[in-house]
Amino acid sequence: MHNDGYKIVFMTNQAGISRGSVNVEDIKAKVVRIVNKLGVPVQTFISTGKGIYRKPAPGMWNALVGRVCY
């Protein structure tokens, strides 16, 4: 799909980071491993807490498409 001009985007909830039960470096390393395996550019959004950026709220999507989020 990347070769056809699509942007590949990961959007993930990772509240465990803000609770301290998940290490942010572990999540980063996991994303890097996946991207390296895919071999294409990927944009990643990670919500670490509650609020407008946590799925299913539209905050990450709005940030992706350039809408202002408050």
C-alpha atoms as a PDB file:
ATOM      1  CA  MET A   1       0.000   0.000   0.000  1.00  0.00           C
ATOM      2  CA  HIS A   2       2.922   2.328   0.690  1.00  0.00           C
ATOM      3  CA  ASN A   3       4.013   1.894  -2.927  1.00  0.00           C
ATOM      4  CA  ASP A   4       0.534   2.993  -4.004  1.00  0.00           C
ATOM      5  CA  GLY A   5       0.893   6.290  -2.087  1.00  0.00           C
ATOM      6  CA  TYR A   6      -0.846   5.378   1.154  1.00  0.00           C
ATOM      7  CA  LYS A   7       0.493   6.526   4.506  1.00  0.00           C
ATOM      8  CA  ILE A   8       0.704   3.739   7.063  1.00  0.00           C
ATOM      9  CA  VAL A   9      -0.272   4.888  10.544  1.00  0.00           C
ATOM     10  CA  PHE A  10      -0.346   3.046  13.857  1.00  0.00           C
ATOM     11  CA  MET A  11      -2.669   4.395  16.545  1.00  0.00           C
ATOM     12  CA  THR A  12      -2.486   2.660  19.870  1.00  0.00           C
ATOM     13  CA  ASN A  13      -3.677   3.095  23.442  1.00  0.00           C
ATOM     14  CA  GLN A  14      -0.886   2.454  25.937  1.00  0.00           C
ATOM     15  CA  ALA A  15      -2.224   3.707  29.285  1.00  0.00           C
ATOM     16  CA  GLY A  16       0.163   1.298  30.988  1.00  0.00           C
ATOM     17  CA  ILE A  17       2.938   3.782  30.259  1.00  0.00           C
ATOM     18  CA  SER A  18       1.334   6.483  32.434  1.00  0.00           C
ATOM     19  CA  ARG A  19       0.523   3.902  35.133  1.00  0.00           C
ATOM     20  CA  GLY A  20       4.108   2.715  35.149  1.00  0.00           C
ATOM     21  CA  SER A  21       3.245  -0.887  34.282  1.00  0.00           C
ATOM     22  CA  VAL A  22       4.650  -0.588  30.748  1.00  0.00           C
ATOM     23  CA  ASN A  23       8.046   0.849  29.880  1.00  0.00           C
ATOM     24  CA  VAL A  24       7.983   3.495  27.133  1.00  0.00           C
ATOM     25  CA  GLU A  25      11.295   2.237  25.752  1.00  0.00           C
ATOM     26  CA  ASP A  26       9.791  -1.251  25.367  1.00  0.00           C
ATOM     27  CA  ILE A  27       6.895   0.168  23.333  1.00  0.00           C
ATOM     28  CA  LYS A  28       9.277   2.208  21.180  1.00  0.00           C
ATOM     29  CA  ALA A  29      11.438  -0.856  20.551  1.00  0.00           C
ATOM     30  CA  LYS A  30       8.378  -2.898  19.604  1.00  0.00           C
ATOM     31  CA  VAL A  31       7.266  -0.265  17.083  1.00  0.00           C
ATOM     32  CA  VAL A  32      10.782  -0.092  15.617  1.00  0.00           C
ATOM     33  CA  ARG A  33      10.894  -3.886  15.227  1.00  0.00           C
ATOM     34  CA  ILE A  34       7.548  -3.874  13.411  1.00  0.00           C
ATOM     35  CA  VAL A  35       8.540  -0.979  11.147  1.00  0.00           C
ATOM     36  CA  ASN A  36      11.860  -2.626  10.320  1.00  0.00           C
ATOM     37  CA  LYS A  37      10.055  -5.854   9.463  1.00  0.00           C
ATOM     38  CA  LEU A  38       7.554  -3.996   7.251  1.00  0.00           C
ATOM     39  CA  GLY A  39      10.303  -2.020   5.551  1.00  0.00           C
ATOM     40  CA  VAL A  40       8.136   1.037   4.908  1.00  0.00           C
ATOM     41  CA  PRO A  41       7.725   4.408   6.645  1.00  0.00           C
ATOM     42  CA  VAL A  42       5.149   4.442   9.433  1.00  0.00           C
ATOM     43  CA  GLN A  43       3.735   7.282  11.512  1.00  0.00           C
ATOM     44  CA  THR A  44       2.846   6.261  15.054  1.00  0.00           C
ATOM     45  CA  PHE A  45       0.489   7.853  17.583  1.00  0.00           C
ATOM     46  CA  ILE A  46       0.564   6.522  21.142  1.00  0.00           C
ATOM     47  CA  SER A  47      -2.014   7.602  23.697  1.00  0.00           C
ATOM     48  CA  THR A  48      -0.553   7.158  27.166  1.00  0.00           C
ATOM     49  CA  GLY A  49      -3.478   8.326  29.264  1.00  0.00           C
ATOM     50  CA  LYS A  50      -7.128   9.212  29.284  1.00  0.00           C
ATOM     51  CA  GLY A  51      -8.559  12.077  27.294  1.00  0.00           C
ATOM     52  CA  ILE A  52      -9.225  13.145  23.729  1.00  0.00           C
ATOM     53  CA  TYR A  53      -6.303  11.179  22.293  1.00  0.00           C
ATOM     54  CA  ARG A  54      -7.403   7.825  23.679  1.00  0.00           C
ATOM     55  CA  LYS A  55      -9.317   5.676  21.193  1.00  0.00           C
ATOM     56  CA  PRO A  56     -12.169   5.669  20.434  1.00  0.00           C
ATOM     57  CA  ALA A  57     -12.054   9.465  20.936  1.00  0.00           C
ATOM     58  CA  PRO A  58     -10.994  11.253  17.733  1.00  0.00           C
ATOM     59  CA  GLY A  59      -7.934  13.103  19.060  1.00  0.00           C
ATOM     60  CA  MET A  60      -5.257  11.000  17.361  1.00  0.00           C
ATOM     61  CA  TRP A  61      -7.185  11.037  14.102  1.00  0.00           C
ATOM     62  CA  ASN A  62      -7.661  14.801  14.303  1.00  0.00           C
ATOM     63  CA  ALA A  63      -3.921  15.268  14.922  1.00  0.00           C
ATOM     64  CA  LEU A  64      -3.177  13.079  11.906  1.00  0.00           C
ATOM     65  CA  VAL A  65      -5.383  15.069   9.563  1.00  0.00           C
ATOM     66  CA  GLY A  66      -4.241  18.420  10.952  1.00  0.00           C
ATOM     67  CA  ARG A  67      -7.308  19.433  12.928  1.00  0.00           C
ATOM     68  CA  VAL A  68      -6.766  21.475  16.073  1.00  0.00           C
ATOM     69  CA  CYS A  69      -7.267  19.454  19.256  1.00  0.00           C
ATOM     70  CA  TYR A  70      -7.898  20.931  22.679  1.00  0.00           C
END
